């Protein structure tokens, strides 16, 4: 009998592992932090270049607010450096980074108090000069100064989403759970310490749900604002036909928006 042997190498198949569910959220954290820090740096650079004679310890509400904004910019610049080093892959130890930095988020309470004490005045020559600077790309001073107010609540939402997508066996899981608890604690501290609109958390949540490419949309620019009704789904008659929108009725305005699919959906 003759035996035949197949001496060819056994066939192997390679499959590309499915993308991690964590990656879109990790990228979102990194990309929004880049944008946040870049905006802070722009605001600080433009304001101080135009107001070189102002002392950082000036009692003027706007000067005091931008002085504190500089401190926020330094802190978040360091946080951004850590996130950049960690990268945006599945193995990025975002939880470890926020576990280290989250306790210091309580310092935002100082900024919140100063923000509440400042009133946007479009007639202020410093405001006009700031908004006319080409580096601001048409954004109002208020749209820059409200960014730190929104940032800690944004961290909480992003870390909650990342925690949902992180399996228990992941190297970052334990740190992420601790980090999320610390961020929640910092957010609660800031809200309780600052003299804020009692509807602050509700308004902030709606603000974060609404994307405005111009950066001018703000629900936190008037301390007397309250939510009266909403969210309510309604049909609006547009030029190309009826479209579904989400509406909110506030004490002084009506806001409506269309729902879009997020990169994290």
Protein backbone atom coordinates (compact mmCIF):
# COMPACT_ATOMS: atom_id res chain seq x y z
CA UNK A 1 0.00 0.00 0.00
CA UNK A 2 1.16 3.43 -0.80
CA UNK A 3 0.51 6.26 1.58
CA UNK A 4 0.40 9.85 0.42
CA UNK A 5 1.23 12.70 2.78
CA UNK A 6 0.28 16.29 2.16
CA UNK A 7 3.44 18.22 3.00
CA UNK A 8 1.87 21.63 2.47
CA UNK A 9 1.65 23.98 5.46
CA UNK A 10 -1.75 23.81 7.09
CA UNK A 11 -3.98 26.67 6.05
CA UNK A 12 -4.44 29.36 8.63
CA UNK A 13 -7.05 32.05 8.67
CA UNK A 14 -6.63 35.44 10.22
CA UNK A 15 -9.48 37.54 11.43
CA UNK A 16 -9.41 41.14 12.45
CA UNK A 17 -10.53 41.48 16.05
CA UNK A 18 -13.68 43.55 16.44
CA UNK A 19 -13.02 47.13 17.48
CA UNK A 20 -13.29 47.73 21.20
CA UNK A 21 -16.46 49.39 22.39
CA UNK A 22 -14.27 51.56 24.61
CA UNK A 23 -12.35 53.20 21.79
CA UNK A 24 -14.99 55.72 20.58
CA UNK A 25 -15.45 57.03 24.13
CA UNK A 26 -11.72 57.20 24.79
CA UNK A 27 -11.30 59.17 21.56
CA UNK A 28 -14.17 61.45 22.55
CA UNK A 29 -12.51 62.19 25.90
CA UNK A 30 -9.17 62.94 24.25
CA UNK A 31 -10.54 65.00 21.37
CA UNK A 32 -12.85 67.12 23.53
CA UNK A 33 -10.01 67.75 25.97
CA UNK A 34 -7.80 68.94 23.11
CA UNK A 35 -10.52 71.31 21.95
CA UNK A 36 -11.22 72.50 25.50
CA UNK A 37 -7.58 73.30 26.28
CA UNK A 38 -7.05 74.97 22.89
CA UNK A 39 -10.06 77.23 23.55
CA UNK A 40 -8.81 78.12 27.03
CA UNK A 41 -5.39 79.00 25.67
CA UNK A 42 -6.93 81.18 22.98
CA UNK A 43 -9.12 83.05 25.47
CA UNK A 44 -6.26 83.64 27.92
CA UNK A 45 -3.81 84.73 25.22
CA UNK A 46 -6.22 87.13 23.51
CA UNK A 47 -7.52 88.73 26.72
CA UNK A 48 -4.16 89.32 28.41
CA UNK A 49 -2.54 90.61 25.25
CA UNK A 50 -5.31 93.20 24.95
CA UNK A 51 -5.34 94.03 28.66
CA UNK A 52 -1.66 94.02 29.56
CA UNK A 53 -2.18 96.72 32.20
CA UNK A 54 -4.68 94.68 34.21
CA UNK A 55 -3.40 93.08 37.37
CA UNK A 56 -4.32 89.41 37.82
CA UNK A 57 -5.51 90.15 41.38
CA UNK A 58 -7.72 92.98 40.14
CA UNK A 59 -11.13 93.14 41.82
CA UNK A 60 -12.80 93.68 38.45
CA UNK A 61 -15.09 90.66 37.91
CA UNK A 62 -13.95 90.01 34.34
CA UNK A 63 -10.25 90.30 35.16
CA UNK A 64 -10.68 88.02 38.18
CA UNK A 65 -12.57 85.49 36.06
CA UNK A 66 -9.95 85.37 33.30
CA UNK A 67 -7.21 85.13 35.94
CA UNK A 68 -8.87 82.01 37.30
CA UNK A 69 -9.36 80.76 33.74
CA UNK A 70 -5.58 80.81 33.40
CA UNK A 71 -5.31 78.50 36.43
CA UNK A 72 -7.87 76.15 34.87
CA UNK A 73 -5.89 76.20 31.61
CA UNK A 74 -2.68 75.18 33.41
CA UNK A 75 -4.43 72.33 35.22
CA UNK A 76 -6.18 70.99 32.12
CA UNK A 77 -3.03 71.35 30.06
CA UNK A 78 -1.38 68.86 32.42
CA UNK A 79 -4.40 66.54 32.23
CA UNK A 80 -4.32 66.71 28.44
CA UNK A 81 -0.64 65.75 28.43
CA UNK A 82 -1.45 62.59 30.39
CA UNK A 83 -4.33 61.70 28.06
CA UNK A 84 -2.20 62.28 24.98
CA UNK A 85 0.48 59.97 26.36
CA UNK A 86 -2.10 57.27 27.11
CA UNK A 87 -3.47 57.39 23.55
CA UNK A 88 -6.92 56.50 22.29
CA UNK A 89 -6.73 52.72 22.07
CA UNK A 90 -8.52 50.10 24.10
CA UNK A 91 -5.63 49.87 26.55
CA UNK A 92 -5.62 53.58 27.41
CA UNK A 93 -5.68 53.87 31.21
CA UNK A 94 -8.17 56.72 31.30
CA UNK A 95 -9.51 55.57 34.66
CA UNK A 96 -6.05 55.70 36.23
CA UNK A 97 -5.51 59.24 34.93
CA UNK A 98 -8.84 60.54 36.20
CA UNK A 99 -8.38 58.75 39.51
CA UNK A 100 -5.29 60.90 39.98
CA UNK A 101 -6.76 64.18 38.69
CA UNK A 102 -10.41 63.98 39.83
CA UNK A 103 -9.85 65.22 43.43
CA UNK A 104 -8.44 68.46 42.00
CA UNK A 105 -11.60 69.11 39.97
CA UNK A 106 -13.05 70.66 43.13
CA UNK A 107 -10.94 73.72 42.34
CA UNK A 108 -13.47 74.54 39.60
CA UNK A 109 -15.77 75.79 42.41
CA UNK A 110 -13.72 79.00 42.57
CA UNK A 111 -14.22 79.55 38.86
CA UNK A 112 -17.97 78.86 39.15
CA UNK A 113 -18.35 81.48 41.88
CA UNK A 114 -16.49 84.07 39.80
CA UNK A 115 -18.53 83.16 36.73
CA UNK A 116 -21.76 83.72 38.63
CA UNK A 117 -20.49 87.14 39.68
CA UNK A 118 -19.78 88.27 36.13
CA UNK A 119 -22.37 89.66 33.71
CA UNK A 120 -21.83 89.57 29.97
CA UNK A 121 -21.87 93.10 28.57
CA UNK A 122 -21.49 93.32 24.79
CA UNK A 123 -20.87 97.07 25.14
CA UNK A 124 -17.80 96.57 27.34
CA UNK A 125 -14.85 97.69 25.14
CA UNK A 126 -12.80 94.73 26.40
CA UNK A 127 -15.53 92.34 25.28
CA UNK A 128 -15.81 93.99 21.86
CA UNK A 129 -12.04 93.93 21.35
CA UNK A 130 -11.90 90.26 22.35
CA UNK A 131 -14.69 89.22 20.00
CA UNK A 132 -13.21 91.17 17.08
CA UNK A 133 -9.89 89.33 17.37
CA UNK A 134 -9.60 86.87 14.44
CA UNK A 135 -8.21 84.18 16.73
CA UNK A 136 -11.64 83.93 18.35
CA UNK A 137 -13.22 82.98 15.00
CA UNK A 138 -16.42 84.91 15.66
CA UNK A 139 -17.18 83.29 19.02
CA UNK A 140 -18.37 85.45 21.89
CA UNK A 141 -16.38 85.92 25.07
CA UNK A 142 -19.24 84.29 26.95
CA UNK A 143 -18.94 81.11 24.86
CA UNK A 144 -15.31 80.77 25.99
CA UNK A 145 -15.92 81.59 29.64
CA UNK A 146 -18.76 79.11 30.04
CA UNK A 147 -16.59 76.16 28.93
CA UNK A 148 -15.12 75.37 32.39
CA UNK A 149 -18.65 75.50 33.85
CA UNK A 150 -19.66 72.68 31.51
CA UNK A 151 -16.48 70.60 31.66
CA UNK A 152 -16.82 68.67 34.94
CA UNK A 153 -20.40 67.55 34.13
CA UNK A 154 -19.07 66.48 30.74
CA UNK A 155 -16.36 64.37 32.39
CA UNK A 156 -19.03 62.64 34.44
CA UNK A 157 -21.12 61.77 31.36
CA UNK A 158 -18.11 60.53 29.41
CA UNK A 159 -16.76 58.40 32.25
CA UNK A 160 -20.20 56.91 32.88
CA UNK A 161 -20.35 55.90 29.22
CA UNK A 162 -16.82 54.51 29.32
CA UNK A 163 -17.64 52.50 32.46
CA UNK A 164 -20.61 50.90 30.67
CA UNK A 165 -18.30 49.76 27.87
CA UNK A 166 -15.43 48.51 30.04
CA UNK A 167 -15.57 44.80 30.97
CA UNK A 168 -14.82 43.81 34.56
CA UNK A 169 -11.63 42.05 33.50
CA UNK A 170 -10.13 45.11 31.84
CA UNK A 171 -6.99 46.55 33.43
CA UNK A 172 -8.64 49.96 33.74
CA UNK A 173 -11.91 48.78 35.25
CA UNK A 174 -11.14 49.23 38.95
CA UNK A 175 -9.48 52.62 38.49
CA UNK A 176 -12.39 53.75 36.32
CA UNK A 177 -14.94 52.94 39.01
CA UNK A 178 -12.98 54.93 41.59
CA UNK A 179 -12.41 57.80 39.15
CA UNK A 180 -16.12 58.05 38.35
CA UNK A 181 -17.00 58.21 42.04
CA UNK A 182 -14.42 60.96 42.58
CA UNK A 183 -15.68 62.97 39.59
CA UNK A 184 -19.25 62.73 40.91
CA UNK A 185 -18.03 63.89 44.32
CA UNK A 186 -16.17 66.84 42.76
CA UNK A 187 -19.22 67.84 40.70
CA UNK A 188 -21.41 67.75 43.81
CA UNK A 189 -18.87 69.80 45.76
CA UNK A 190 -18.65 72.43 43.04
CA UNK A 191 -22.42 72.75 42.76
CA UNK A 192 -22.86 73.04 46.53
CA UNK A 193 -19.99 75.50 47.01
CA UNK A 194 -20.79 77.88 44.17
CA UNK A 195 -23.72 80.26 44.30
CA UNK A 196 -25.52 78.70 41.40
CA UNK A 197 -28.90 78.69 39.78
CA UNK A 198 -30.92 76.03 41.66
CA UNK A 199 -31.76 74.56 38.24
CA UNK A 200 -28.06 74.39 37.33
CA UNK A 201 -27.87 70.60 36.98
CA UNK A 202 -30.99 70.45 34.79
CA UNK A 203 -29.78 73.28 32.55
CA UNK A 204 -26.28 71.82 32.31
CA UNK A 205 -27.64 68.42 31.27
CA UNK A 206 -29.71 70.00 28.47
CA UNK A 207 -26.77 72.18 27.46
CA UNK A 208 -24.54 69.12 27.09
CA UNK A 209 -27.16 67.31 25.02
CA UNK A 210 -27.34 70.14 22.48
CA UNK A 211 -24.50 70.59 20.02
CA UNK A 212 -23.95 74.08 18.64
CA UNK A 213 -21.08 74.35 16.10
CA UNK A 214 -20.83 78.11 16.70
CA UNK A 215 -20.27 77.66 20.43
CA UNK A 216 -22.68 80.51 21.21
CA UNK A 217 -25.58 78.51 22.64
CA UNK A 218 -25.78 78.82 26.42
CA UNK A 219 -28.46 78.06 28.97
CA UNK A 220 -26.30 79.22 31.88
CA UNK A 221 -25.91 82.87 30.94
CA UNK A 222 -28.83 84.08 33.09
CA UNK A 223 -29.24 83.00 36.73
CA UNK A 224 -33.04 83.37 36.67
CA UNK A 225 -33.67 80.83 33.94
CA UNK A 226 -35.91 77.85 34.75
CA UNK A 227 -37.19 74.91 32.74
CA UNK A 228 -40.98 75.17 32.49
CA UNK A 229 -41.75 72.31 30.09
CA UNK A 230 -39.88 69.62 28.20
CA UNK A 231 -38.35 67.76 26.66
CA UNK A 232 -41.33 67.42 24.32
CA UNK A 233 -41.35 65.85 20.87
CA UNK A 234 -43.13 68.06 18.33
CA UNK A 235 -43.35 68.47 14.57
CA UNK A 236 -42.11 71.70 13.03
CA UNK A 237 -43.11 72.74 9.53
CA UNK A 238 -39.93 73.44 7.59
CA UNK A 239 -39.35 74.51 3.99
CA UNK A 240 -38.67 70.92 2.94
CA UNK A 241 -41.57 69.51 4.90
CA UNK A 242 -42.43 68.60 8.49
CA UNK A 243 -39.57 67.47 10.75
CA UNK A 244 -39.45 66.09 14.28
CA UNK A 245 -37.75 68.25 16.91
CA UNK A 246 -37.26 68.15 20.66
CA UNK A 247 -38.54 71.31 22.36
CA UNK A 248 -37.81 72.85 25.78
CA UNK A 249 -39.73 75.79 27.17
CA UNK A 250 -37.81 78.03 29.58
CA UNK A 251 -38.90 81.11 31.48
CA UNK A 252 -37.37 83.38 28.83
CA UNK A 253 -36.93 81.33 25.65
CA UNK A 254 -37.89 78.29 23.60
CA UNK A 255 -35.14 75.91 22.49
CA UNK A 256 -35.58 73.16 19.92
CA UNK A 257 -33.11 70.72 18.40
CA UNK A 258 -32.98 67.70 16.12
CA UNK A 259 -31.60 64.43 17.41
CA UNK A 260 -28.48 63.19 15.64
CA UNK A 261 -26.53 59.95 15.95
CA UNK A 262 -23.40 60.37 18.06
CA UNK A 263 -20.10 58.70 17.25
CA UNK A 264 -20.52 56.86 20.55
CA UNK A 265 -23.96 55.48 19.74
